[in-house]
Every structure is written in C-alpha cells, then in structure tokens.
Protein backbone atom coordinates (compact mmCIF):
# COMPACT_ATOMS: atom_id res chain seq x y z
CA MET A 1 0.00 0.00 0.00
CA LYS A 2 1.50 3.30 -1.07
CA PRO A 3 -0.49 6.46 -0.27
CA ARG A 4 -0.44 9.40 -2.65
CA GLU A 5 0.92 12.70 -1.39
CA ARG A 6 -0.56 16.22 -1.40
CA VAL A 7 -3.95 15.16 -2.79
CA PRO A 8 -6.45 18.06 -3.06
CA LEU A 9 -9.52 17.52 -0.89
CA ALA A 10 -11.81 20.45 -1.80
CA GLU A 11 -13.00 18.63 -4.93
CA ARG A 12 -13.82 15.60 -2.78
CA THR A 13 -16.30 17.50 -0.63
CA THR A 14 -19.65 19.09 -1.43
CA LEU A 15 -18.64 22.39 0.18
CA GLY A 16 -15.67 22.65 -2.16
CA VAL A 17 -13.27 24.36 0.26
CA GLY A 18 -10.02 23.41 1.92
CA GLY A 19 -6.50 22.30 1.13
CA ALA A 20 -4.77 19.00 0.45
CA ALA A 21 -4.19 15.79 2.36
CA ARG A 22 -0.59 15.17 3.32
CA TYR A 23 -1.25 11.54 2.33
CA TYR A 24 -4.32 9.95 0.77
CA VAL A 25 -5.35 6.34 0.19
CA GLU A 26 -8.49 4.43 -0.80
CA ALA A 27 -9.22 1.06 0.81
CA ALA A 28 -11.28 -1.49 -1.13
CA ASP A 29 -11.93 -3.79 1.84
CA GLU A 30 -11.25 -4.41 5.52
CA ALA A 31 -7.79 -5.80 4.84
CA ALA A 32 -6.80 -2.60 3.04
CA VAL A 33 -8.10 -0.54 5.99
CA MET A 34 -5.89 -2.60 8.30
CA LYS A 35 -2.89 -1.96 6.02
CA ALA A 36 -3.61 1.76 6.08
CA LEU A 37 -3.69 1.73 9.88
CA SER A 38 -0.43 -0.18 9.96
CA TRP A 39 1.24 2.22 7.51
CA ALA A 40 0.09 5.24 9.52
CA GLY A 41 1.47 3.70 12.70
CA GLU A 42 4.81 2.82 11.15
CA ASN A 43 5.20 6.30 9.71
CA GLU A 44 3.90 8.07 12.84
CA VAL A 45 1.14 9.80 10.92
CA ASP A 46 -2.38 10.48 12.15
CA ILE A 47 -5.23 8.99 10.16
CA GLU A 48 -8.51 10.69 9.24
CA VAL A 49 -11.47 9.11 7.45
CA LEU A 50 -13.23 10.93 4.62
CA GLY A 51 -16.37 9.44 3.10
CA GLY A 52 -18.44 11.01 0.35
CA GLY A 53 -17.46 14.48 1.53
CA SER A 54 -21.00 15.74 2.11
CA ASN A 55 -20.44 16.28 5.81
CA ALA A 56 -16.83 17.45 5.92
CA LEU A 57 -15.30 20.90 6.34
CA ILE A 58 -11.63 20.90 5.33
CA ALA A 59 -9.20 23.53 6.62
CA ASP A 60 -7.46 25.81 4.11
CA ALA A 61 -4.13 24.43 5.30
CA GLY A 62 -5.29 20.93 4.44
CA VAL A 63 -5.10 17.84 6.62
CA ASP A 64 -1.71 16.88 8.05
CA ALA A 65 -2.54 13.17 8.18
CA LEU A 66 -3.24 10.09 6.11
CA VAL A 67 -6.75 10.65 4.77
CA LEU A 68 -8.50 7.33 4.25
CA ARG A 69 -11.47 6.73 1.95
CA VAL A 70 -13.20 3.38 2.53
CA ARG A 71 -14.35 2.11 -0.87
CA ASP A 72 -15.78 -1.30 0.15
CA ASP A 73 -18.92 -1.63 -2.00
CA HIS A 74 -20.12 -5.16 -1.21
CA ARG A 75 -23.81 -5.92 -0.67
CA HIS A 76 -25.25 -9.20 0.58
CA VAL A 77 -28.96 -9.96 1.06
CA GLU A 78 -30.43 -12.75 3.19
CA PRO A 79 -34.19 -13.42 3.64
CA ASP A 80 -35.48 -13.46 7.21
CA GLY A 81 -39.22 -14.11 7.25
CA ASP A 82 -41.06 -10.92 6.38
CA HIS A 83 -37.74 -9.02 6.48
CA VAL A 84 -34.41 -9.09 4.71
CA ILE A 85 -30.99 -8.72 6.27
CA VAL A 86 -28.77 -6.54 4.09
CA ASP A 87 -25.01 -6.28 4.70
CA VAL A 88 -23.53 -3.26 2.93
CA GLY A 89 -19.97 -1.99 2.58
CA ALA A 90 -19.20 1.48 3.91
CA GLY A 91 -18.21 2.71 0.45
CA VAL A 92 -21.63 2.20 -1.16
CA CYS A 93 -23.34 5.44 -2.21
CA TRP A 94 -26.16 6.01 0.28
CA ASP A 95 -28.83 7.09 -2.19
CA GLU A 96 -28.03 4.17 -4.48
CA LEU A 97 -28.78 1.86 -1.53
CA VAL A 98 -32.08 3.64 -0.90
CA ALA A 99 -33.08 3.46 -4.57
CA TRP A 100 -32.22 -0.26 -4.62
CA SER A 101 -34.24 -0.96 -1.46
CA VAL A 102 -37.31 0.84 -2.83
CA ALA A 103 -37.05 -0.92 -6.21
CA ASN A 104 -37.03 -4.28 -4.38
CA ASP A 105 -39.98 -3.33 -2.12
CA TYR A 106 -37.87 -3.26 1.05
CA ALA A 107 -39.22 -0.66 3.49
CA GLY A 108 -37.26 1.33 6.05
CA LEU A 109 -35.04 3.74 4.12
CA GLU A 110 -37.44 5.45 1.69
CA CYS A 111 -37.66 8.79 3.54
CA LEU A 112 -33.88 9.02 3.54
CA SER A 113 -33.79 9.42 -0.24
CA GLY A 114 -31.51 12.05 -1.74
CA ILE A 115 -29.15 12.31 1.23
CA PRO A 116 -25.60 12.52 -0.18
CA GLY A 117 -22.61 10.60 1.07
CA ASP A 118 -21.63 7.00 1.71
CA VAL A 119 -23.21 4.25 3.78
CA GLY A 120 -20.34 4.43 6.28
CA ALA A 121 -21.39 7.91 7.39
CA ALA A 122 -25.01 6.95 7.99
CA PRO A 123 -24.61 5.43 11.49
CA ILE A 124 -22.09 8.05 12.56
CA GLN A 125 -24.55 10.87 11.95
CA ASN A 126 -27.63 8.73 12.56
CA ILE A 127 -28.93 10.40 9.42
CA GLY A 128 -32.60 11.21 9.36
CA ALA A 129 -35.23 13.03 7.35
CA TYR A 130 -38.99 13.31 7.10
CA GLY A 131 -39.73 11.29 10.23
CA GLN A 132 -37.28 8.45 9.61
CA GLU A 133 -33.85 7.73 11.10
CA VAL A 134 -31.33 5.18 9.89
CA SER A 135 -30.97 3.79 13.41
CA GLN A 136 -34.49 2.37 13.08
CA THR A 137 -33.21 -0.23 10.61
CA ILE A 138 -29.61 -0.85 11.72
CA GLU A 139 -28.90 -4.24 13.30
CA HIS A 140 -25.19 -3.73 13.74
CA VAL A 141 -22.20 -1.76 12.51
CA VAL A 142 -18.85 -3.37 11.64
CA VAL A 143 -15.90 -1.21 12.64
CA ILE A 144 -12.15 -1.34 12.96
CA ASP A 145 -10.99 -0.25 16.42
CA ARG A 146 -8.05 2.05 15.84
CA ASP A 147 -6.78 1.52 19.40
CA ASN A 148 -5.93 -2.12 18.76
CA ALA A 149 -6.55 -2.70 15.02
CA GLN A 150 -9.31 -5.20 15.82
CA ARG A 151 -12.54 -5.86 13.93
CA VAL A 152 -15.59 -5.19 16.15
CA VAL A 153 -19.28 -5.82 15.53
CA MET A 154 -21.36 -3.26 17.43
CA ASP A 155 -25.09 -3.87 17.84
CA ALA A 156 -27.53 -0.98 17.66
CA ALA A 157 -27.65 -0.52 21.43
CA SER A 158 -23.87 -0.24 21.61
CA CYS A 159 -23.97 2.52 18.99
CA GLN A 160 -25.88 4.76 21.43
CA PHE A 161 -28.00 6.30 18.70
CA ALA A 162 -29.75 9.59 19.44
CA TYR A 163 -31.04 12.50 17.37
CA ARG A 164 -28.29 13.08 14.73
CA ASP A 165 -25.88 11.47 17.11
CA SER A 166 -24.13 8.22 18.02
CA ILE A 167 -21.22 6.89 20.03
CA PHE A 168 -19.09 7.56 16.93
CA LYS A 169 -19.57 11.31 17.42
CA GLY A 170 -19.54 11.21 21.21
CA ASP A 171 -17.59 9.02 23.61
CA ALA A 172 -15.80 7.11 20.83
CA ASN A 173 -15.23 10.03 18.48
CA GLY A 174 -12.33 9.13 16.18
CA ARG A 175 -11.80 5.67 17.65
CA TYR A 176 -13.64 3.52 15.10
CA ILE A 177 -13.55 3.25 11.32
CA VAL A 178 -16.87 2.05 9.91
CA VAL A 179 -16.36 -0.63 7.26
CA ALA A 180 -19.86 -2.12 6.91
CA VAL A 181 -23.44 -1.81 8.15
CA ARG A 182 -26.15 -4.46 8.55
CA PHE A 183 -29.73 -3.34 7.94
CA ARG A 184 -33.01 -5.13 8.66
CA LEU A 185 -35.65 -4.03 6.15
CA ALA A 186 -39.33 -5.01 5.96
CA VAL A 187 -40.47 -6.79 2.80
CA GLY A 188 -43.62 -5.32 1.25
CA ALA A 189 -44.35 -3.06 4.21
CA PRO A 190 -45.91 0.38 3.74
CA PRO A 191 -43.73 3.50 3.75
CA THR A 192 -43.12 5.56 6.85
CA ILE A 193 -45.36 8.62 6.63
CA ALA A 194 -44.76 10.37 9.94
CA TYR A 195 -43.96 13.92 8.83
CA ALA A 196 -46.75 16.39 8.08
CA GLU A 197 -45.08 18.01 5.06
CA LEU A 198 -44.41 14.60 3.52
CA GLU A 199 -47.92 13.34 4.26
CA ARG A 200 -49.48 16.31 2.46
CA ALA A 201 -47.16 15.96 -0.53
CA VAL A 202 -47.58 12.18 -0.85
CA ARG A 203 -51.35 12.57 -0.77
CA ASP A 204 -51.08 14.62 -3.97
CA HIS A 205 -49.41 11.63 -5.65
CA GLY A 206 -52.26 9.27 -4.79
CA ALA A 207 -51.44 5.97 -3.09
CA ALA A 208 -48.59 6.06 -0.57
CA THR A 209 -46.12 3.45 -1.82
CA LEU A 210 -42.40 3.16 -1.26
CA ALA A 211 -41.83 4.49 -4.78
CA THR A 212 -44.17 7.48 -4.49
CA THR A 213 -42.70 8.28 -1.07
CA ARG A 214 -39.16 8.26 -2.45
CA ASP A 215 -40.18 10.37 -5.45
CA THR A 216 -41.96 12.85 -3.19
CA VAL A 217 -39.00 13.15 -0.83
CA LEU A 218 -36.71 13.86 -3.77
CA VAL A 219 -39.09 16.57 -5.03
CA LEU A 220 -39.20 18.19 -1.59
CA ARG A 221 -35.43 18.04 -1.20
CA ARG A 222 -34.85 19.53 -4.67
CA ARG A 223 -37.08 22.47 -3.80
CA LYS A 224 -34.75 23.15 -0.89
CA SER A 225 -31.53 22.49 -2.87
CA MET A 226 -30.91 19.45 -0.67
CA VAL A 227 -30.18 17.14 -3.61
CA ILE A 228 -26.81 17.49 -5.33
CA ASP A 229 -27.42 19.05 -8.73
CA PRO A 230 -24.55 20.53 -10.79
CA GLU A 231 -26.98 23.12 -12.21
CA ASP A 232 -28.17 24.35 -8.80
CA GLU A 233 -26.71 27.67 -7.65
CA ASN A 234 -26.80 26.32 -4.06
CA ARG A 235 -24.99 23.08 -4.86
CA ARG A 236 -21.81 23.76 -2.87
CA SER A 237 -23.10 23.09 0.62
CA ALA A 238 -23.06 20.42 3.30
CA GLY A 239 -26.84 20.28 3.43
CA SER A 240 -28.15 21.32 6.84
CA PHE A 241 -25.21 23.06 8.45
CA PHE A 242 -26.76 23.12 11.92
CA VAL A 243 -28.66 20.50 13.89
CA ASN A 244 -32.16 21.35 15.08
CA PRO A 245 -31.56 22.20 18.77
CA ILE A 246 -33.18 20.16 21.52
CA VAL A 247 -33.86 22.32 24.56
CA SER A 248 -35.77 22.26 27.83
CA VAL A 249 -39.45 23.20 27.91
CA ASP A 250 -38.51 26.39 29.81
CA VAL A 251 -36.10 27.48 27.09
CA ALA A 252 -38.66 26.70 24.38
CA ASP A 253 -41.29 28.70 26.24
CA ALA A 254 -38.88 31.63 26.57
CA VAL A 255 -38.18 31.58 22.83
CA ALA A 256 -41.90 31.47 22.05
CA ALA A 257 -42.58 34.38 24.40
CA SER A 258 -39.88 36.50 22.75
CA ILE A 259 -41.56 36.66 19.36
CA ASP A 260 -45.05 37.60 18.26
CA GLU A 261 -45.84 34.67 15.96
CA PRO A 262 -46.38 30.92 16.26
CA MET A 263 -43.20 28.95 16.81
CA PRO A 264 -42.71 25.41 15.50
CA ARG A 265 -41.86 23.04 18.34
CA TYR A 266 -41.71 19.26 18.52
CA PRO A 267 -41.86 17.36 21.83
CA VAL A 268 -39.17 14.71 22.29
CA ALA A 269 -38.23 12.34 25.10
CA ASP A 270 -37.42 13.46 28.65
CA ASP A 271 -39.73 16.49 28.52
CA ARG A 272 -37.54 18.29 26.04
CA VAL A 273 -38.45 20.14 22.89
CA LYS A 274 -36.88 20.20 19.42
CA LEU A 275 -36.85 23.61 17.76
CA ALA A 276 -36.46 24.35 14.06
CA ALA A 277 -32.97 25.75 13.46
CA ALA A 278 -34.03 27.22 10.11
CA TRP A 279 -36.86 29.13 11.78
CA LEU A 280 -34.50 30.48 14.45
CA ILE A 281 -31.93 31.55 11.86
CA GLU A 282 -34.45 33.49 9.80
CA ARG A 283 -36.01 35.17 12.86
CA ALA A 284 -32.51 36.17 13.94
CA GLY A 285 -32.26 38.22 10.75
CA MET A 286 -30.31 35.81 8.56
CA LYS A 287 -32.68 35.35 5.63
CA LYS A 288 -32.35 33.04 2.66
CA GLY A 289 -29.84 34.47 0.20
CA THR A 290 -27.92 36.48 2.82
CA ARG A 291 -24.29 36.75 1.66
CA GLN A 292 -20.95 37.73 3.10
CA GLY A 293 -18.27 37.72 0.45
CA ASN A 294 -18.15 34.35 -1.28
CA VAL A 295 -20.28 32.62 1.37
CA GLY A 296 -23.95 32.86 2.16
CA ILE A 297 -27.19 31.19 3.10
CA SER A 298 -28.90 29.14 0.42
CA THR A 299 -31.58 30.98 -1.53
CA ARG A 300 -33.88 28.02 -0.89
CA HIS A 301 -33.17 26.83 2.64
CA SER A 302 -31.86 28.85 5.54
CA LEU A 303 -30.17 25.83 7.14
CA ALA A 304 -27.71 25.45 4.26
CA ILE A 305 -24.55 27.54 4.14
CA VAL A 306 -23.26 27.81 0.60
CA ASN A 307 -19.91 28.37 -1.06
CA ASN A 308 -21.02 30.70 -3.85
CA GLY A 309 -17.71 30.23 -5.64
CA GLY A 310 -14.14 30.91 -4.61
CA ALA A 311 -14.80 30.69 -0.88
CA THR A 312 -12.18 29.65 1.64
CA ALA A 313 -12.74 27.53 4.72
CA GLU A 314 -11.85 30.57 6.81
CA GLU A 315 -14.66 32.57 5.18
CA LEU A 316 -17.13 29.76 5.70
CA VAL A 317 -16.25 29.33 9.37
CA ALA A 318 -16.54 33.08 9.94
CA PHE A 319 -19.96 33.25 8.30
CA ALA A 320 -21.29 30.18 10.12
CA THR A 321 -20.03 31.65 13.39
CA THR A 322 -21.95 34.86 12.65
CA VAL A 323 -25.14 32.88 12.02
CA ARG A 324 -24.67 30.95 15.25
CA GLN A 325 -24.00 34.11 17.26
CA ARG A 326 -27.04 35.90 15.83
CA VAL A 327 -29.30 33.08 16.99
CA ARG A 328 -27.67 32.99 20.40
CA ASP A 329 -27.98 36.75 20.83
CA ARG A 330 -31.64 36.77 19.73
CA PHE A 331 -32.96 33.63 21.43
CA ASN A 332 -30.25 32.43 23.85
CA VAL A 333 -30.18 29.12 21.98
CA LYS A 334 -26.90 27.53 20.92
CA LEU A 335 -26.78 25.90 17.47
CA HIS A 336 -24.39 23.02 16.85
CA PRO A 337 -22.85 22.50 13.40
CA GLU A 338 -23.18 19.16 11.62
CA PRO A 339 -20.12 19.10 9.29
CA ARG A 340 -17.01 17.45 10.72
CA PRO A 341 -14.00 19.79 10.72
CA LEU A 342 -10.74 18.31 9.46
CA GLY A 343 -7.29 19.88 9.66
CA PHE A 344 -8.15 22.91 11.76
CA ASP A 345 -6.24 24.23 14.73
CA PRO A 346 -8.78 24.18 17.60
CA ALA A 347 -8.45 27.94 18.05
CA GLU A 348 -9.60 28.52 14.46
CA ILE A 349 -13.01 26.99 15.08
CA ALA A 350 -13.47 27.50 18.83
CA ALA A 351 -16.35 29.94 18.35
CA LEU A 352 -18.20 27.55 16.04
CA TYR A 353 -17.44 24.14 17.56
CA ASP A 354 -17.48 23.82 21.32
C-alpha cells in the first residue's frame, strides 16, 4: 500500500473548500483498511477518514494526516421471514442503496432518499429526514478499532443512537472506522409517513407506496436544494449546516414568548423540545440568500450555508459563526454544526465548535 501525497480535498467534498491531504489512500476492503492503519502507525502519521465528503469541512491548510477513503462496496442480502438482512460496505453510495431498497420493495429507508454521502457515514450521523432515522433499521455496525486494530461488531444498542448522534460522534469520536453496516428491512411493508409536510405531498401523488414516497421526498429536497445538482446555484453546501436544537421546555417557552408569531416546536423524550434551526436563523435576521463575500445562506433553505464560488474555509467558518452568534444573541439558543471539521487548529473553530 502506497499512499499518494498532497492530494487536493476540496474537490472531494460538497462544500468545495479546503486544502490537500498530506497523504491519501483508498481502501477497497477491511484488509486494506488494516494496512492503512499499519502504515500510519509505522510512519507516525495520524489517520482521518473521509467518506463522500458531504459532511466534511476541510481547513485551508489541508489535513496533516493520512486521509483514508473506505471504498468497500459489497452488498449481501439474506431473507429473514417478512424481512431481509442486508449487509452493505461502507463505500456504497447512500442514495443508491435507498433506490435499490425501494425498487425491491424493502421498506425502512425510503424517507432518507436524496441524502448525499456513503453508507459508512449513515450510522455516525444517525442520518434522518422526514420522520425516519437510519438507526431504526440498523442491526449492527462493523468497525475497525483504531486503538488495537481489531474488527468489532457493534449492535444498535452499543452505537448509542440519538437524534443526529451516536457513540461515533460522542464518547468514541475518532476511535472507530466504519467498514460495513447491517440493515433489517421489511419486505412489502408500507412507507413511513410520519412527517406532516411529507404526508401532504404524498397525498397529492395518490397511493402512498415506497416508490411514491421516495419520489416525493426527492421533489421536496430539490425544492430546498438538498439534492446534489450541478446546475443548482446552491450546490456547494453540506446540506443542513446546523442541527435542530433540543432544549428544555422552559427554554422553548422563553423563545416562544420572545416573538409575536407561532413557533414550531416538537416534543421529544425526557420532557424536552426540538426547535427548528431554520426558523430560528431566519427570525434572527439571517434570511435566505444572505451573503458575506463568497459565502452565504442558500436561496432556498436557511439551514444550508453555501460556497457561492471561490470561498475559503476561513470565510465559511466566519460566516457560520456569525449565524450561530445571531441566533444565540436573539434567542439564547446555541446551534451546533453538523459538518465534521478536518485539519483545523482548535483555536480557528473554537467559536463555532465547542
């Protein structure tokens, strides 16, 4: 295994900013991942994992490490009564997996259509959309433990899934490399219609099938520039830049009392409330289309921060920090960014990531 040197990373991310990897390698299977870990250890180089690049923010100085892309694209299907067990390599394109599952009448992923990136990122982020989360179908995640170079099979409970969160972002951040995911999908089951906007839109298509649900989700996401389209002026983004904040009832009540209009709020477990980050951003004065130099908010969705062409990572961090501060000043609510920063000195992003 011989990594390439000084490989540009901006073109490998949807935001399109950042510098080069000191070293870069693609691993076709678990054995190649092990070799990459061994090489990094022998050469005393850190290792960072980069998937499809839809949730990564690369520093302008690049990444002083071995950047690893897992390319394992295997897929194995096994019947299990009224379900199927599907083992999928981390390098499979996520939306291709969703399209395949819908075409085969396997329910459980249809509302997650159009989300960019690879399968390996899905459990890390616990990706979700339109009332569905990937954790609802995951049986286990196969990882390589970087501490001891051992293969580990982690069941769903061990992954500690929560809203847009998992052990891979929390207690074990950076420890594991995802190489495969096992899903349990329902054969011939109806789609998940648990989101009001989706329910209304699907109704316009007639019968709610897996196919019509997927098609409807793609239409809704395109309207918000949340599907990668080379012709879209908002294409250079990481999708939703901030996570919808989950706050106490008291904080939610305070936000509602501070503004003279109805506020969207969604009860969650433990007497907490999920607020709409997009709503907060707009009411804090950061409207769709707001720009600062080469960076701005999408003209279609206020949760997406866009590289309008020629932006640097420094510009993007500065703008995102401004958005975050505006919301905090207006509502005393702290927004947390979704994209994973790579290559930054902690001081560079301290005001955005804490």
